[in-house]
Amino acid sequence: EKYLTGRKQLPKELPAYYGFGDENEAIVCADEIGAAWKKYPNAIQWLRDQH
């Protein structure tokens, strides 16, 4: 959520590995699907409102 909403910036390099539920998974996920979320500003606002 932090990476998708812009509260935290993605690192310049992606992690070499990730585990289920860890910070690296969040980074990889945001990198892979972030563009889709950004196409729908209302979705990002909804995500912000959840936390």
N, C-alpha and C. Protein backbone atom coordinates (compact mmCIF):
# COMPACT_ATOMS: atom_id res chain seq x y z
N GLU A 1 0.84 -1.19 0.00
CA GLU A 1 0.00 0.00 0.00
C GLU A 1 0.87 1.25 0.00
N LYS A 2 1.92 1.27 0.78
CA LYS A 2 2.78 2.46 0.86
C LYS A 2 3.41 2.78 -0.49
N TYR A 3 3.79 1.76 -1.21
CA TYR A 3 4.44 1.97 -2.51
C TYR A 3 3.42 2.37 -3.57
N LEU A 4 2.24 1.80 -3.55
CA LEU A 4 1.22 2.13 -4.54
C LEU A 4 0.66 3.53 -4.35
N THR A 5 0.56 3.97 -3.11
CA THR A 5 0.00 5.30 -2.84
C THR A 5 1.04 6.40 -2.88
N GLY A 6 2.31 6.04 -2.98
CA GLY A 6 3.36 7.04 -3.03
C GLY A 6 3.88 7.48 -1.67
N ARG A 7 3.38 6.88 -0.60
CA ARG A 7 3.88 7.23 0.73
C ARG A 7 5.32 6.77 0.92
N LYS A 8 5.73 5.82 0.13
CA LYS A 8 7.10 5.32 0.18
C LYS A 8 7.57 5.10 -1.25
N GLN A 9 8.78 5.56 -1.56
CA GLN A 9 9.30 5.42 -2.92
C GLN A 9 9.91 4.04 -3.12
N LEU A 10 9.75 3.55 -4.35
CA LEU A 10 10.39 2.29 -4.71
C LEU A 10 11.90 2.49 -4.75
N PRO A 11 12.66 1.48 -4.38
CA PRO A 11 14.12 1.59 -4.49
C PRO A 11 14.53 1.63 -5.95
N LYS A 12 15.73 2.11 -6.20
CA LYS A 12 16.22 2.20 -7.57
C LYS A 12 16.40 0.83 -8.20
N GLU A 13 16.76 -0.15 -7.38
CA GLU A 13 16.92 -1.52 -7.87
C GLU A 13 15.93 -2.43 -7.17
N LEU A 14 15.37 -3.35 -7.93
CA LEU A 14 14.45 -4.32 -7.35
C LEU A 14 15.23 -5.35 -6.54
N PRO A 15 14.60 -5.90 -5.51
CA PRO A 15 15.28 -6.92 -4.72
C PRO A 15 15.55 -8.18 -5.54
N ALA A 16 16.59 -8.88 -5.18
CA ALA A 16 16.97 -10.11 -5.89
C ALA A 16 16.01 -11.24 -5.57
N TYR A 17 15.33 -11.16 -4.42
CA TYR A 17 14.40 -12.20 -4.01
C TYR A 17 13.33 -11.58 -3.13
N TYR A 18 12.25 -12.31 -2.92
CA TYR A 18 11.22 -11.86 -1.98
C TYR A 18 10.53 -13.07 -1.38
N GLY A 19 9.92 -12.85 -0.24
CA GLY A 19 9.17 -13.89 0.44
C GLY A 19 7.73 -13.46 0.61
N PHE A 20 6.87 -14.41 0.78
CA PHE A 20 5.45 -14.13 0.93
C PHE A 20 5.21 -13.19 2.11
N GLY A 21 4.63 -12.04 1.83
CA GLY A 21 4.27 -11.09 2.87
C GLY A 21 5.38 -10.17 3.35
N ASP A 22 6.56 -10.26 2.77
CA ASP A 22 7.63 -9.38 3.25
C ASP A 22 7.72 -8.08 2.44
N GLU A 23 8.58 -7.19 2.89
CA GLU A 23 8.73 -5.87 2.27
C GLU A 23 9.15 -5.99 0.81
N ASN A 24 10.02 -6.95 0.51
CA ASN A 24 10.46 -7.13 -0.87
C ASN A 24 9.31 -7.53 -1.78
N GLU A 25 8.38 -8.31 -1.27
CA GLU A 25 7.22 -8.68 -2.08
C GLU A 25 6.40 -7.43 -2.42
N ALA A 26 6.26 -6.53 -1.46
CA ALA A 26 5.52 -5.29 -1.70
C ALA A 26 6.20 -4.46 -2.79
N ILE A 27 7.51 -4.42 -2.77
CA ILE A 27 8.27 -3.67 -3.77
C ILE A 27 8.06 -4.26 -5.16
N VAL A 28 8.22 -5.57 -5.27
CA VAL A 28 8.07 -6.24 -6.57
C VAL A 28 6.64 -6.09 -7.08
N CYS A 29 5.68 -6.25 -6.20
CA CYS A 29 4.27 -6.14 -6.58
C CYS A 29 3.96 -4.73 -7.09
N ALA A 30 4.41 -3.71 -6.36
CA ALA A 30 4.16 -2.33 -6.78
C ALA A 30 4.83 -2.04 -8.12
N ASP A 31 6.01 -2.58 -8.32
CA ASP A 31 6.69 -2.39 -9.60
C ASP A 31 5.92 -3.04 -10.74
N GLU A 32 5.39 -4.22 -10.50
CA GLU A 32 4.69 -4.97 -11.54
C GLU A 32 3.29 -4.42 -11.85
N ILE A 33 2.54 -4.03 -10.84
CA ILE A 33 1.15 -3.62 -11.07
C ILE A 33 0.87 -2.15 -10.77
N GLY A 34 1.91 -1.41 -10.41
CA GLY A 34 1.73 0.00 -10.06
C GLY A 34 1.12 0.83 -11.18
N ALA A 35 1.52 0.58 -12.41
CA ALA A 35 0.99 1.35 -13.54
C ALA A 35 -0.52 1.17 -13.68
N ALA A 36 -1.01 -0.03 -13.44
CA ALA A 36 -2.45 -0.28 -13.53
C ALA A 36 -3.20 0.52 -12.46
N TRP A 37 -2.66 0.57 -11.25
CA TRP A 37 -3.30 1.35 -10.18
C TRP A 37 -3.30 2.84 -10.52
N LYS A 38 -2.21 3.32 -11.09
CA LYS A 38 -2.10 4.76 -11.40
C LYS A 38 -3.06 5.20 -12.49
N LYS A 39 -3.53 4.27 -13.31
CA LYS A 39 -4.52 4.61 -14.34
C LYS A 39 -5.86 4.97 -13.73
N TYR A 40 -6.08 4.57 -12.48
CA TYR A 40 -7.36 4.79 -11.81
C TYR A 40 -7.14 5.52 -10.48
N PRO A 41 -7.06 6.85 -10.53
CA PRO A 41 -6.81 7.62 -9.30
C PRO A 41 -7.81 7.32 -8.19
N ASN A 42 -9.05 7.02 -8.55
CA ASN A 42 -10.04 6.70 -7.52
C ASN A 42 -9.66 5.42 -6.78
N ALA A 43 -9.03 4.50 -7.46
CA ALA A 43 -8.61 3.26 -6.80
C ALA A 43 -7.51 3.55 -5.78
N ILE A 44 -6.59 4.44 -6.14
CA ILE A 44 -5.53 4.80 -5.21
C ILE A 44 -6.10 5.52 -4.00
N GLN A 45 -7.06 6.41 -4.23
CA GLN A 45 -7.70 7.09 -3.10
C GLN A 45 -8.42 6.09 -2.22
N TRP A 46 -9.09 5.13 -2.81
CA TRP A 46 -9.76 4.08 -2.04
C TRP A 46 -8.75 3.34 -1.17
N LEU A 47 -7.59 3.01 -1.76
CA LEU A 47 -6.56 2.29 -1.02
C LEU A 47 -6.07 3.13 0.15
N ARG A 48 -5.84 4.42 -0.08
CA ARG A 48 -5.42 5.31 1.01
C ARG A 48 -6.45 5.33 2.14
N ASP A 49 -7.71 5.35 1.78
CA ASP A 49 -8.78 5.43 2.77
C ASP A 49 -8.89 4.17 3.62
N GLN A 50 -8.32 3.07 3.16
CA GLN A 50 -8.41 1.81 3.90
C GLN A 50 -7.47 1.78 5.10
N HIS A 51 -6.49 2.66 5.13
CA HIS A 51 -5.48 2.64 6.22
C HIS A 51 -5.44 3.93 6.95
